[in-house]
Amino acid sequence: MFANERVIIRKINGRFLLYEVPWQKGNVNLKNKPIELDKIFFPQINLINYLSRKKRVDTCAFILNQSFHTFWDKITMEKTLNVIDKITCDTPCYNLQFVPDKTALKYLDLIEANNNVIK
Protein backbone atom coordinates (compact mmCIF):
# COMPACT_ATOMS: atom_id res chain seq x y z
CA MET A 1 0.00 0.00 0.00
CA PHE A 2 1.30 3.39 -0.92
CA ALA A 3 -0.50 6.02 1.07
CA ASN A 4 -0.06 9.73 1.34
CA GLU A 5 -2.64 9.92 4.07
CA ARG A 6 -3.17 8.53 7.52
CA VAL A 7 -3.93 4.87 8.05
CA ILE A 8 -5.39 2.89 10.90
CA ILE A 9 -3.17 0.11 12.28
CA ARG A 10 -4.83 -2.72 14.19
CA LYS A 11 -3.27 -5.82 15.70
CA ILE A 12 -5.42 -8.86 15.00
CA ASN A 13 -4.32 -12.42 15.71
CA GLY A 14 -0.72 -11.30 16.23
CA ARG A 15 -0.53 -9.44 12.90
CA PHE A 16 -0.53 -5.70 12.28
CA LEU A 17 -3.10 -4.75 9.64
CA LEU A 18 -3.45 -1.44 7.79
CA TYR A 19 -6.77 0.12 6.89
CA GLU A 20 -7.46 3.28 4.95
CA VAL A 21 -8.85 6.06 7.14
CA PRO A 22 -12.60 5.85 6.48
CA TRP A 23 -13.53 9.47 7.19
CA GLN A 24 -11.31 10.69 4.37
CA LYS A 25 -13.63 8.98 1.92
CA GLY A 26 -16.87 9.89 3.68
CA ASN A 27 -17.28 6.30 4.89
CA VAL A 28 -17.20 5.58 8.61
CA ASN A 29 -17.01 1.78 8.31
CA LEU A 30 -13.82 -0.21 7.83
CA LYS A 31 -15.08 -1.95 4.70
CA ASN A 32 -11.80 -1.90 2.80
CA LYS A 33 -9.77 -5.07 2.87
CA PRO A 34 -6.85 -4.62 5.26
CA ILE A 35 -3.26 -5.07 4.18
CA GLU A 36 -0.73 -6.77 6.44
CA LEU A 37 2.08 -4.51 7.58
CA ASP A 38 5.42 -6.07 6.67
CA LYS A 39 7.59 -2.97 6.17
CA ILE A 40 7.32 0.80 6.42
CA PHE A 41 8.76 3.36 4.03
CA PHE A 42 9.19 7.03 4.87
CA PRO A 43 9.28 8.66 1.43
CA GLN A 44 11.00 11.87 0.43
CA ILE A 45 11.24 13.28 -3.07
CA ASN A 46 14.85 13.45 -4.23
CA LEU A 47 16.97 13.58 -7.37
CA ILE A 48 17.97 9.91 -7.02
CA ASN A 49 16.30 6.72 -5.84
CA TYR A 50 17.91 5.57 -2.61
CA LEU A 51 16.80 3.27 0.20
CA SER A 52 18.35 3.11 3.67
CA ARG A 53 17.32 1.44 6.91
CA LYS A 54 15.78 3.90 9.36
CA LYS A 55 16.90 3.92 12.99
CA ARG A 56 14.28 2.47 15.30
CA VAL A 57 14.34 5.44 17.68
CA ASP A 58 13.70 7.83 14.76
CA THR A 59 10.89 5.62 13.52
CA CYS A 60 9.24 5.55 16.97
CA ALA A 61 9.44 9.34 17.25
CA PHE A 62 7.96 9.85 13.78
CA ILE A 63 5.08 7.43 14.33
CA LEU A 64 4.30 8.96 17.72
CA ASN A 65 4.28 12.40 16.16
CA GLN A 66 1.78 11.20 13.54
CA SER A 67 -0.51 9.40 15.99
CA PHE A 68 -3.37 10.67 18.09
CA HIS A 69 -1.81 11.90 21.31
CA THR A 70 -3.33 10.83 24.61
CA PHE A 71 -0.94 12.50 27.03
CA TRP A 72 -3.82 13.28 29.40
CA ASP A 73 -4.60 9.56 29.81
CA LYS A 74 -1.59 7.69 31.21
CA ILE A 75 -2.97 4.18 30.54
CA THR A 76 -3.91 4.91 26.93
CA MET A 77 -0.59 6.68 26.33
CA GLU A 78 1.29 3.65 27.65
CA LYS A 79 -0.73 1.40 25.33
CA THR A 80 0.06 3.69 22.40
CA LEU A 81 3.78 3.62 23.20
CA ASN A 82 3.71 -0.16 23.58
CA VAL A 83 2.05 -0.58 20.17
CA ILE A 84 4.59 1.74 18.54
CA ASP A 85 7.39 -0.21 20.25
CA LYS A 86 6.02 -3.53 18.99
CA ILE A 87 5.47 -2.23 15.44
CA THR A 88 9.02 -0.89 15.18
CA CYS A 89 10.50 -4.00 16.78
CA ASP A 90 8.76 -6.38 14.36
CA THR A 91 8.68 -4.27 11.20
CA PRO A 92 11.68 -3.08 9.17
CA CYS A 93 11.50 0.64 8.39
CA TYR A 94 13.24 2.51 5.60
CA ASN A 95 13.93 6.00 4.39
CA LEU A 96 12.98 6.01 0.73
CA GLN A 97 14.36 8.87 -1.30
CA PHE A 98 12.82 8.75 -4.73
CA VAL A 99 12.51 10.45 -8.07
CA PRO A 100 8.78 11.13 -8.61
CA ASP A 101 8.43 8.97 -11.70
CA LYS A 102 8.21 5.26 -12.57
CA THR A 103 11.89 4.68 -11.80
CA ALA A 104 11.19 4.56 -8.06
CA LEU A 105 8.99 1.46 -8.37
CA LYS A 106 11.50 -0.15 -10.73
CA TYR A 107 14.23 0.57 -8.16
CA LEU A 108 12.25 -1.15 -5.38
CA ASP A 109 11.44 -4.10 -7.65
CA LEU A 110 15.14 -4.49 -8.47
CA ILE A 111 16.11 -4.48 -4.79
CA GLU A 112 13.41 -7.03 -3.98
CA ALA A 113 14.37 -9.23 -6.93
CA ASN A 114 18.03 -9.24 -5.89
CA ASN A 115 17.08 -9.99 -2.29
CA ASN A 116 19.24 -7.08 -1.15
CA VAL A 117 16.89 -5.61 1.46
CA ILE A 118 13.20 -4.92 2.06
CA LYS A 119 12.59 -7.72 4.51
C-alpha atoms as a PDB file:
ATOM      1  CA  MET A   1       0.000   0.000   0.000  1.00  0.00           C
ATOM      2  CA  PHE A   2       1.300   3.390  -0.923  1.00  0.00           C
ATOM      3  CA  ALA A   3      -0.505   6.018   1.072  1.00  0.00           C
ATOM      4  CA  ASN A   4      -0.065   9.726   1.335  1.00  0.00           C
ATOM      5  CA  GLU A   5      -2.641   9.920   4.072  1.00  0.00           C
ATOM      6  CA  ARG A   6      -3.165   8.526   7.516  1.00  0.00           C
ATOM      7  CA  VAL A   7      -3.930   4.872   8.055  1.00  0.00           C
ATOM      8  CA  ILE A   8      -5.390   2.887  10.902  1.00  0.00           C
ATOM      9  CA  ILE A   9      -3.172   0.115  12.282  1.00  0.00           C
ATOM     10  CA  ARG A  10      -4.832  -2.715  14.193  1.00  0.00           C
ATOM     11  CA  LYS A  11      -3.275  -5.816  15.695  1.00  0.00           C
ATOM     12  CA  ILE A  12      -5.422  -8.859  15.004  1.00  0.00           C
ATOM     13  CA  ASN A  13      -4.317 -12.425  15.713  1.00  0.00           C
ATOM     14  CA  GLY A  14      -0.719 -11.302  16.234  1.00  0.00           C
ATOM     15  CA  ARG A  15      -0.534  -9.438  12.898  1.00  0.00           C
ATOM     16  CA  PHE A  16      -0.526  -5.699  12.281  1.00  0.00           C
ATOM     17  CA  LEU A  17      -3.099  -4.748   9.644  1.00  0.00           C
ATOM     18  CA  LEU A  18      -3.451  -1.443   7.791  1.00  0.00           C
ATOM     19  CA  TYR A  19      -6.767   0.123   6.886  1.00  0.00           C
ATOM     20  CA  GLU A  20      -7.459   3.280   4.953  1.00  0.00           C
ATOM     21  CA  VAL A  21      -8.848   6.055   7.140  1.00  0.00           C
ATOM     22  CA  PRO A  22     -12.604   5.854   6.480  1.00  0.00           C
ATOM     23  CA  TRP A  23     -13.528   9.467   7.188  1.00  0.00           C
ATOM     24  CA  GLN A  24     -11.314  10.695   4.368  1.00  0.00           C
ATOM     25  CA  LYS A  25     -13.625   8.979   1.915  1.00  0.00           C
ATOM     26  CA  GLY A  26     -16.870   9.893   3.677  1.00  0.00           C
ATOM     27  CA  ASN A  27     -17.279   6.303   4.893  1.00  0.00           C
ATOM     28  CA  VAL A  28     -17.199   5.581   8.615  1.00  0.00           C
ATOM     29  CA  ASN A  29     -17.013   1.777   8.308  1.00  0.00           C
ATOM     30  CA  LEU A  30     -13.815  -0.213   7.833  1.00  0.00           C
ATOM     31  CA  LYS A  31     -15.079  -1.953   4.700  1.00  0.00           C
ATOM     32  CA  ASN A  32     -11.805  -1.901   2.799  1.00  0.00           C
ATOM     33  CA  LYS A  33      -9.774  -5.070   2.869  1.00  0.00           C
ATOM     34  CA  PRO A  34      -6.853  -4.616   5.259  1.00  0.00           C
ATOM     35  CA  ILE A  35      -3.264  -5.070   4.178  1.00  0.00           C
ATOM     36  CA  GLU A  36      -0.729  -6.770   6.439  1.00  0.00           C
ATOM     37  CA  LEU A  37       2.075  -4.507   7.576  1.00  0.00           C
ATOM     38  CA  ASP A  38       5.422  -6.069   6.673  1.00  0.00           C
ATOM     39  CA  LYS A  39       7.591  -2.972   6.166  1.00  0.00           C
ATOM     40  CA  ILE A  40       7.322   0.798   6.420  1.00  0.00           C
ATOM     41  CA  PHE A  41       8.755   3.364   4.033  1.00  0.00           C
ATOM     42  CA  PHE A  42       9.189   7.034   4.871  1.00  0.00           C
ATOM     43  CA  PRO A  43       9.275   8.656   1.431  1.00  0.00           C
ATOM     44  CA  GLN A  44      11.002  11.871   0.427  1.00  0.00           C
ATOM     45  CA  ILE A  45      11.240  13.278  -3.071  1.00  0.00           C
ATOM     46  CA  ASN A  46      14.845  13.451  -4.228  1.00  0.00           C
ATOM     47  CA  LEU A  47      16.973  13.585  -7.372  1.00  0.00           C
ATOM     48  CA  ILE A  48      17.968   9.910  -7.023  1.00  0.00           C
ATOM     49  CA  ASN A  49      16.299   6.719  -5.843  1.00  0.00           C
ATOM     50  CA  TYR A  50      17.906   5.567  -2.611  1.00  0.00           C
ATOM     51  CA  LEU A  51      16.804   3.267   0.196  1.00  0.00           C
ATOM     52  CA  SER A  52      18.345   3.108   3.675  1.00  0.00           C
ATOM     53  CA  ARG A  53      17.319   1.439   6.912  1.00  0.00           C
ATOM     54  CA  LYS A  54      15.778   3.904   9.357  1.00  0.00           C
ATOM     55  CA  LYS A  55      16.901   3.916  12.992  1.00  0.00           C
ATOM     56  CA  ARG A  56      14.284   2.469  15.296  1.00  0.00           C
ATOM     57  CA  VAL A  57      14.336   5.441  17.684  1.00  0.00           C
ATOM     58  CA  ASP A  58      13.703   7.826  14.761  1.00  0.00           C
ATOM     59  CA  THR A  59      10.885   5.622  13.524  1.00  0.00           C
ATOM     60  CA  CYS A  60       9.241   5.550  16.966  1.00  0.00           C
ATOM     61  CA  ALA A  61       9.442   9.342  17.248  1.00  0.00           C
ATOM     62  CA  PHE A  62       7.963   9.846  13.778  1.00  0.00           C
ATOM     63  CA  ILE A  63       5.076   7.428  14.330  1.00  0.00           C
ATOM     64  CA  LEU A  64       4.304   8.959  17.723  1.00  0.00           C
ATOM     65  CA  ASN A  65       4.279  12.405  16.160  1.00  0.00           C
ATOM     66  CA  GLN A  66       1.784  11.199  13.540  1.00  0.00           C
ATOM     67  CA  SER A  67      -0.507   9.397  15.988  1.00  0.00           C
ATOM     68  CA  PHE A  68      -3.374  10.665  18.092  1.00  0.00           C
ATOM     69  CA  HIS A  69      -1.808  11.897  21.308  1.00  0.00           C
ATOM     70  CA  THR A  70      -3.328  10.825  24.611  1.00  0.00           C
ATOM     71  CA  PHE A  71      -0.939  12.504  27.028  1.00  0.00           C
ATOM     72  CA  TRP A  72      -3.824  13.283  29.402  1.00  0.00           C
ATOM     73  CA  ASP A  73      -4.600   9.564  29.812  1.00  0.00           C
ATOM     74  CA  LYS A  74      -1.593   7.689  31.206  1.00  0.00           C
ATOM     75  CA  ILE A  75      -2.969   4.179  30.544  1.00  0.00           C
ATOM     76  CA  THR A  76      -3.908   4.906  26.930  1.00  0.00           C
ATOM     77  CA  MET A  77      -0.588   6.682  26.328  1.00  0.00           C
ATOM     78  CA  GLU A  78       1.293   3.649  27.646  1.00  0.00           C
ATOM     79  CA  LYS A  79      -0.726   1.399  25.331  1.00  0.00           C
ATOM     80  CA  THR A  80       0.057   3.687  22.398  1.00  0.00           C
ATOM     81  CA  LEU A  81       3.783   3.622  23.199  1.00  0.00           C
ATOM     82  CA  ASN A  82       3.709  -0.165  23.577  1.00  0.00           C
ATOM     83  CA  VAL A  83       2.045  -0.576  20.168  1.00  0.00           C
ATOM     84  CA  ILE A  84       4.594   1.738  18.541  1.00  0.00           C
ATOM     85  CA  ASP A  85       7.388  -0.210  20.251  1.00  0.00           C
ATOM     86  CA  LYS A  86       6.023  -3.530  18.989  1.00  0.00           C
ATOM     87  CA  ILE A  87       5.472  -2.227  15.438  1.00  0.00           C
ATOM     88  CA  THR A  88       9.022  -0.889  15.179  1.00  0.00           C
ATOM     89  CA  CYS A  89      10.503  -3.999  16.775  1.00  0.00           C
ATOM     90  CA  ASP A  90       8.760  -6.383  14.355  1.00  0.00           C
ATOM     91  CA  THR A  91       8.677  -4.272  11.200  1.00  0.00           C
ATOM     92  CA  PRO A  92      11.684  -3.081   9.174  1.00  0.00           C
ATOM     93  CA  CYS A  93      11.504   0.636   8.394  1.00  0.00           C
ATOM     94  CA  TYR A  94      13.236   2.505   5.599  1.00  0.00           C
ATOM     95  CA  ASN A  95      13.932   6.001   4.394  1.00  0.00           C
ATOM     96  CA  LEU A  96      12.984   6.010   0.727  1.00  0.00           C
ATOM     97  CA  GLN A  97      14.355   8.872  -1.295  1.00  0.00           C
ATOM     98  CA  PHE A  98      12.819   8.750  -4.733  1.00  0.00           C
ATOM     99  CA  VAL A  99      12.507  10.448  -8.075  1.00  0.00           C
ATOM    100  CA  PRO A 100       8.781  11.132  -8.608  1.00  0.00           C
ATOM    101  CA  ASP A 101       8.430   8.966 -11.698  1.00  0.00           C
ATOM    102  CA  LYS A 102       8.210   5.257 -12.573  1.00  0.00           C
ATOM    103  CA  THR A 103      11.892   4.678 -11.805  1.00  0.00           C
ATOM    104  CA  ALA A 104      11.191   4.561  -8.056  1.00  0.00           C
ATOM    105  CA  LEU A 105       8.989   1.463  -8.370  1.00  0.00           C
ATOM    106  CA  LYS A 106      11.502  -0.148 -10.726  1.00  0.00           C
ATOM    107  CA  TYR A 107      14.229   0.575  -8.157  1.00  0.00           C
ATOM    108  CA  LEU A 108      12.253  -1.148  -5.381  1.00  0.00           C
ATOM    109  CA  ASP A 109      11.437  -4.100  -7.655  1.00  0.00           C
ATOM    110  CA  LEU A 110      15.139  -4.492  -8.469  1.00  0.00           C
ATOM    111  CA  ILE A 111      16.112  -4.481  -4.793  1.00  0.00           C
ATOM    112  CA  GLU A 112      13.409  -7.028  -3.976  1.00  0.00           C
ATOM    113  CA  ALA A 113      14.373  -9.234  -6.934  1.00  0.00           C
ATOM    114  CA  ASN A 114      18.030  -9.240  -5.893  1.00  0.00           C
ATOM    115  CA  ASN A 115      17.080  -9.994  -2.289  1.00  0.00           C
ATOM    116  CA  ASN A 116      19.238  -7.076  -1.154  1.00  0.00           C
ATOM    117  CA  VAL A 117      16.893  -5.608   1.457  1.00  0.00           C
ATOM    118  CA  ILE A 118      13.202  -4.916   2.061  1.00  0.00           C
ATOM    119  CA  LYS A 119      12.586  -7.723   4.513  1.00  0.00           C
END
